[in-house]
Amino acid sequence: DKKGSHFVFQQMATLLEAKHCKVSASFLVRMPHNAPFKDHAKTLAKKEQLFAQASVATNNIAKSVRKKELVSYNKGTALKLFLQKTIYKMTTKSTFDKRFVVDDSCTGCTTCSTVCPTNNIVINKNRRPEWLLQNCQACFACVQWCPKTSIQYTKQTVGVPRYHHPDVKLKDLL
């Protein structure tokens, strides 16, 4: 897939090589973006379409894995890899947390802090979430799972529908 992030595959190959292993196969499945402001699938119908395509793709991937097929990955152009690596380094050194905003509809339910995989959100004495400005991995689980859509990531997420895959429930994450 020419639209994919070749840098991710390159990172994995580098990590495996350090352990004297190699990538035997790689697959790319196009999914809705976890960051609502960057999502290329703006409607719930488009998200459902991508999930349906992903279901077919994962079945084909499973067949390849069962057959132990060697599937090489597209390494991309040197320029694209350089740009992806540069952007990755720049964004991992910055803190995503500074851009989260909580509006007045927040009930202090603690869902955001509970779903945060890095324990980067605490609930303050006013029952409002605060980001610790140290460990955000930009998964946007706090934005996606806030039951009141009280958490925004800049003004760009206001009004953008949150999506939950029908097979994943909040209790599964907790």
C-alpha atoms as a PDB file:
ATOM      1  CA  ASP A   1       0.000   0.000   0.000  1.00  0.00           C
ATOM      2  CA  LYS A   2       1.634   3.198  -1.167  1.00  0.00           C
ATOM      3  CA  LYS A   3      -0.294   5.291   1.353  1.00  0.00           C
ATOM      4  CA  GLY A   4       1.130   3.477   4.384  1.00  0.00           C
ATOM      5  CA  SER A   5       3.818   4.523   6.765  1.00  0.00           C
ATOM      6  CA  HIS A   6       6.910   2.723   5.550  1.00  0.00           C
ATOM      7  CA  PHE A   7       8.785   4.076   8.556  1.00  0.00           C
ATOM      8  CA  VAL A   8       6.831   1.812  10.899  1.00  0.00           C
ATOM      9  CA  PHE A   9       8.001  -1.249   8.986  1.00  0.00           C
ATOM     10  CA  GLN A  10      11.532   0.122   8.905  1.00  0.00           C
ATOM     11  CA  GLN A  11      11.464   0.628  12.677  1.00  0.00           C
ATOM     12  CA  MET A  12      10.313  -2.946  13.207  1.00  0.00           C
ATOM     13  CA  ALA A  13      12.989  -4.321  10.875  1.00  0.00           C
ATOM     14  CA  THR A  14      15.682  -2.354  12.718  1.00  0.00           C
ATOM     15  CA  LEU A  15      14.493  -3.603  16.114  1.00  0.00           C
ATOM     16  CA  LEU A  16      14.431  -7.190  14.897  1.00  0.00           C
ATOM     17  CA  GLU A  17      17.868  -6.921  13.289  1.00  0.00           C
ATOM     18  CA  ALA A  18      19.280  -5.796  16.639  1.00  0.00           C
ATOM     19  CA  LYS A  19      18.073  -9.156  17.997  1.00  0.00           C
ATOM     20  CA  HIS A  20      19.507 -11.033  14.991  1.00  0.00           C
ATOM     21  CA  CYS A  21      16.059 -11.595  13.514  1.00  0.00           C
ATOM     22  CA  LYS A  22      14.408 -10.362  10.354  1.00  0.00           C
ATOM     23  CA  VAL A  23      10.992  -9.412   9.100  1.00  0.00           C
ATOM     24  CA  SER A  24       9.479 -12.376   7.293  1.00  0.00           C
ATOM     25  CA  ALA A  25       6.226 -10.720   6.370  1.00  0.00           C
ATOM     26  CA  SER A  26       4.481  -7.405   6.711  1.00  0.00           C
ATOM     27  CA  PHE A  27       0.939  -6.324   6.107  1.00  0.00           C
ATOM     28  CA  LEU A  28      -0.836  -3.010   6.103  1.00  0.00           C
ATOM     29  CA  VAL A  29      -4.511  -2.570   6.906  1.00  0.00           C
ATOM     30  CA  ARG A  30      -6.055   0.853   6.339  1.00  0.00           C
ATOM     31  CA  MET A  31      -8.044   1.923   9.390  1.00  0.00           C
ATOM     32  CA  PRO A  32      -9.673   5.131  10.615  1.00  0.00           C
ATOM     33  CA  HIS A  33      -7.198   7.341  12.402  1.00  0.00           C
ATOM     34  CA  ASN A  34      -7.278   7.390  16.187  1.00  0.00           C
ATOM     35  CA  ALA A  35      -6.796  11.178  16.200  1.00  0.00           C
ATOM     36  CA  PRO A  36     -10.190  12.666  15.306  1.00  0.00           C
ATOM     37  CA  PHE A  37      -8.673  15.842  13.860  1.00  0.00           C
ATOM     38  CA  LYS A  38      -6.499  13.899  11.395  1.00  0.00           C
ATOM     39  CA  ASP A  39      -9.005  11.258  10.433  1.00  0.00           C
ATOM     40  CA  HIS A  40      -9.362  10.678   6.722  1.00  0.00           C
ATOM     41  CA  ALA A  41     -12.660   8.893   7.378  1.00  0.00           C
ATOM     42  CA  LYS A  42     -14.861  11.798   8.446  1.00  0.00           C
ATOM     43  CA  THR A  43     -18.183   9.990   8.541  1.00  0.00           C
ATOM     44  CA  LEU A  44     -19.298   6.978  10.515  1.00  0.00           C
ATOM     45  CA  ALA A  45     -20.304   5.317   7.223  1.00  0.00           C
ATOM     46  CA  LYS A  46     -16.749   5.696   5.881  1.00  0.00           C
ATOM     47  CA  LYS A  47     -15.345   4.277   9.123  1.00  0.00           C
ATOM     48  CA  GLU A  48     -17.686   1.274   8.839  1.00  0.00           C
ATOM     49  CA  GLN A  49     -16.561   0.785   5.235  1.00  0.00           C
ATOM     50  CA  LEU A  50     -12.902   0.757   6.314  1.00  0.00           C
ATOM     51  CA  PHE A  51     -13.635  -1.754   9.056  1.00  0.00           C
ATOM     52  CA  ALA A  52     -15.448  -4.024   6.587  1.00  0.00           C
ATOM     53  CA  GLN A  53     -12.435  -3.849   4.238  1.00  0.00           C
ATOM     54  CA  ALA A  54     -10.123  -4.517   7.177  1.00  0.00           C
ATOM     55  CA  SER A  55     -12.100  -7.625   8.077  1.00  0.00           C
ATOM     56  CA  VAL A  56     -11.519  -9.048   4.601  1.00  0.00           C
ATOM     57  CA  ALA A  57      -7.853  -8.015   4.693  1.00  0.00           C
ATOM     58  CA  THR A  58      -7.216  -9.622   8.078  1.00  0.00           C
ATOM     59  CA  ASN A  59      -8.723 -12.884   6.875  1.00  0.00           C
ATOM     60  CA  ASN A  60      -6.281 -12.825   3.944  1.00  0.00           C
ATOM     61  CA  ILE A  61      -3.413 -11.971   6.300  1.00  0.00           C
ATOM     62  CA  ALA A  62      -4.330 -14.907   8.533  1.00  0.00           C
ATOM     63  CA  LYS A  63      -4.218 -17.227   5.513  1.00  0.00           C
ATOM     64  CA  SER A  64      -0.742 -15.955   4.591  1.00  0.00           C
ATOM     65  CA  VAL A  65       0.483 -16.396   8.153  1.00  0.00           C
ATOM     66  CA  ARG A  66      -0.897 -19.928   8.335  1.00  0.00           C
ATOM     67  CA  LYS A  67       0.909 -20.756   5.072  1.00  0.00           C
ATOM     68  CA  LYS A  68       4.086 -19.097   6.455  1.00  0.00           C
ATOM     69  CA  GLU A  69       4.358 -17.013   3.300  1.00  0.00           C
ATOM     70  CA  LEU A  70       7.224 -14.567   2.987  1.00  0.00           C
ATOM     71  CA  VAL A  71       5.788 -11.149   2.233  1.00  0.00           C
ATOM     72  CA  SER A  72       8.251  -8.315   1.818  1.00  0.00           C
ATOM     73  CA  TYR A  73       7.305  -4.794   2.700  1.00  0.00           C
ATOM     74  CA  ASN A  74       7.544  -1.752   0.515  1.00  0.00           C
ATOM     75  CA  LYS A  75      10.424   0.231   1.971  1.00  0.00           C
ATOM     76  CA  GLY A  76       9.306   3.446   0.345  1.00  0.00           C
ATOM     77  CA  THR A  77      11.578   6.086  -1.095  1.00  0.00           C
ATOM     78  CA  ALA A  78      14.582   7.380   0.802  1.00  0.00           C
ATOM     79  CA  LEU A  79      12.985  10.837   0.928  1.00  0.00           C
ATOM     80  CA  LYS A  80       9.702   9.527   2.350  1.00  0.00           C
ATOM     81  CA  LEU A  81      11.525   7.489   5.003  1.00  0.00           C
ATOM     82  CA  PHE A  82      13.636  10.500   5.947  1.00  0.00           C
ATOM     83  CA  LEU A  83      10.571  12.741   6.278  1.00  0.00           C
ATOM     84  CA  GLN A  84       8.630  10.174   8.312  1.00  0.00           C
ATOM     85  CA  LYS A  85      11.594   9.606  10.616  1.00  0.00           C
ATOM     86  CA  THR A  86      12.122  13.350  11.075  1.00  0.00           C
ATOM     87  CA  ILE A  87       8.448  13.984  11.846  1.00  0.00           C
ATOM     88  CA  TYR A  88       8.399  11.032  14.251  1.00  0.00           C
ATOM     89  CA  LYS A  89      11.412  12.345  16.154  1.00  0.00           C
ATOM     90  CA  MET A  90       9.991  15.857  16.316  1.00  0.00           C
ATOM     91  CA  THR A  91       6.608  14.747  17.614  1.00  0.00           C
ATOM     92  CA  THR A  92       7.902  12.251  20.154  1.00  0.00           C
ATOM     93  CA  LYS A  93      10.021  14.957  21.764  1.00  0.00           C
ATOM     94  CA  SER A  94       7.066  17.293  22.083  1.00  0.00           C
ATOM     95  CA  THR A  95       4.219  16.791  24.469  1.00  0.00           C
ATOM     96  CA  PHE A  96       0.872  16.098  22.909  1.00  0.00           C
ATOM     97  CA  ASP A  97      -0.764  16.693  26.275  1.00  0.00           C
ATOM     98  CA  LYS A  98      -0.521  20.476  26.080  1.00  0.00           C
ATOM     99  CA  ARG A  99      -3.234  20.528  23.419  1.00  0.00           C
ATOM    100  CA  PHE A 100      -5.962  18.656  25.316  1.00  0.00           C
ATOM    101  CA  VAL A 101      -8.876  20.769  26.505  1.00  0.00           C
ATOM    102  CA  VAL A 102     -11.755  19.791  28.776  1.00  0.00           C
ATOM    103  CA  ASP A 103     -15.053  21.605  28.406  1.00  0.00           C
ATOM    104  CA  ASP A 104     -17.758  22.222  31.005  1.00  0.00           C
ATOM    105  CA  SER A 105     -19.689  19.055  30.152  1.00  0.00           C
ATOM    106  CA  CYS A 106     -17.054  16.975  31.998  1.00  0.00           C
ATOM    107  CA  THR A 107     -18.623  15.010  34.862  1.00  0.00           C
ATOM    108  CA  GLY A 108     -15.380  13.785  36.422  1.00  0.00           C
ATOM    109  CA  CYS A 109     -16.258  10.170  35.632  1.00  0.00           C
ATOM    110  CA  THR A 110     -12.546   9.150  35.392  1.00  0.00           C
ATOM    111  CA  THR A 111     -12.997   7.211  32.134  1.00  0.00           C
ATOM    112  CA  CYS A 112     -10.184   9.213  30.554  1.00  0.00           C
ATOM    113  CA  SER A 113      -7.670   8.415  33.268  1.00  0.00           C
ATOM    114  CA  THR A 114      -8.753   4.779  33.347  1.00  0.00           C
ATOM    115  CA  VAL A 115      -8.330   4.187  29.590  1.00  0.00           C
ATOM    116  CA  CYS A 116      -4.994   6.020  29.367  1.00  0.00           C
ATOM    117  CA  PRO A 117      -2.455   3.234  28.713  1.00  0.00           C
ATOM    118  CA  THR A 118       0.440   5.244  30.171  1.00  0.00           C
ATOM    119  CA  ASN A 119      -1.316   6.537  33.304  1.00  0.00           C
ATOM    120  CA  ASN A 120      -0.686  10.043  32.046  1.00  0.00           C
ATOM    121  CA  ILE A 121      -4.000  11.511  33.230  1.00  0.00           C
ATOM    122  CA  VAL A 122      -4.910  12.268  36.827  1.00  0.00           C
ATOM    123  CA  ILE A 123      -8.205  13.572  38.147  1.00  0.00           C
ATOM    124  CA  ASN A 124      -7.615  16.713  40.189  1.00  0.00           C
ATOM    125  CA  LYS A 125      -9.438  17.849  43.329  1.00  0.00           C
ATOM    126  CA  ASN A 126     -12.027  19.624  41.140  1.00  0.00           C
ATOM    127  CA  ARG A 127     -12.829  16.275  39.457  1.00  0.00           C
ATOM    128  CA  ARG A 128     -11.261  17.390  36.178  1.00  0.00           C
ATOM    129  CA  PRO A 129      -8.634  15.500  34.173  1.00  0.00           C
ATOM    130  CA  GLU A 130      -5.091  16.834  34.061  1.00  0.00           C
ATOM    131  CA  TRP A 131      -2.398  15.535  31.753  1.00  0.00           C
ATOM    132  CA  LEU A 132       0.982  14.987  33.371  1.00  0.00           C
ATOM    133  CA  LEU A 133       2.862  16.422  30.382  1.00  0.00           C
ATOM    134  CA  GLN A 134       5.347  13.598  30.334  1.00  0.00           C
ATOM    135  CA  ASN A 135       4.127  10.381  28.853  1.00  0.00           C
ATOM    136  CA  CYS A 136       1.403  10.916  26.253  1.00  0.00           C
ATOM    137  CA  GLN A 137       1.652   8.488  23.342  1.00  0.00           C
ATOM    138  CA  ALA A 138      -1.055  10.235  21.297  1.00  0.00           C
ATOM    139  CA  CYS A 139      -3.387   7.239  21.345  1.00  0.00           C
ATOM    140  CA  PHE A 140      -6.345   9.608  21.900  1.00  0.00           C
ATOM    141  CA  ALA A 141      -8.206   6.989  23.958  1.00  0.00           C
ATOM    142  CA  CYS A 142      -9.173   9.786  26.356  1.00  0.00           C
ATOM    143  CA  VAL A 143     -10.773  11.734  23.507  1.00  0.00           C
ATOM    144  CA  GLN A 144     -12.423   8.735  21.860  1.00  0.00           C
ATOM    145  CA  TRP A 145     -13.875   7.195  25.036  1.00  0.00           C
ATOM    146  CA  CYS A 146     -15.024  10.274  26.955  1.00  0.00           C
ATOM    147  CA  PRO A 147     -18.746   9.532  27.427  1.00  0.00           C
ATOM    148  CA  LYS A 148     -19.685  13.220  27.208  1.00  0.00           C
ATOM    149  CA  THR A 149     -17.186  14.131  24.436  1.00  0.00           C
ATOM    150  CA  SER A 150     -15.889  16.677  26.929  1.00  0.00           C
ATOM    151  CA  ILE A 151     -12.259  16.200  25.938  1.00  0.00           C
ATOM    152  CA  GLN A 152     -11.077  17.953  22.825  1.00  0.00           C
ATOM    153  CA  TYR A 153      -7.702  18.016  21.191  1.00  0.00           C
ATOM    154  CA  THR A 154      -7.524  21.644  20.174  1.00  0.00           C
ATOM    155  CA  LYS A 155     -10.620  23.102  18.552  1.00  0.00           C
ATOM    156  CA  GLN A 156     -10.205  20.734  15.604  1.00  0.00           C
ATOM    157  CA  THR A 157     -12.042  17.875  17.335  1.00  0.00           C
ATOM    158  CA  VAL A 158     -15.143  19.852  18.283  1.00  0.00           C
ATOM    159  CA  GLY A 159     -18.056  18.255  16.474  1.00  0.00           C
ATOM    160  CA  VAL A 160     -16.001  15.379  15.047  1.00  0.00           C
ATOM    161  CA  PRO A 161     -17.852  12.130  15.821  1.00  0.00           C
ATOM    162  CA  ARG A 162     -16.061   9.686  18.093  1.00  0.00           C
ATOM    163  CA  TYR A 163     -16.019   6.137  16.875  1.00  0.00           C
ATOM    164  CA  HIS A 164     -16.033   2.916  18.832  1.00  0.00           C
ATOM    165  CA  HIS A 165     -15.699  -0.340  16.983  1.00  0.00           C
ATOM    166  CA  PRO A 166     -18.853  -2.350  17.706  1.00  0.00           C
ATOM    167  CA  ASP A 167     -16.790  -5.301  18.948  1.00  0.00           C
ATOM    168  CA  VAL A 168     -14.856  -3.214  21.495  1.00  0.00           C
ATOM    169  CA  LYS A 169     -16.624  -2.106  24.644  1.00  0.00           C
ATOM    170  CA  LEU A 170     -15.342   0.203  27.346  1.00  0.00           C
ATOM    171  CA  LYS A 171     -15.290  -2.687  29.813  1.00  0.00           C
ATOM    172  CA  ASP A 172     -12.850  -4.502  27.470  1.00  0.00           C
ATOM    173  CA  LEU A 173     -10.396  -1.640  27.868  1.00  0.00           C
ATOM    174  CA  LEU A 174     -10.809  -1.468  31.629  1.00  0.00           C
END
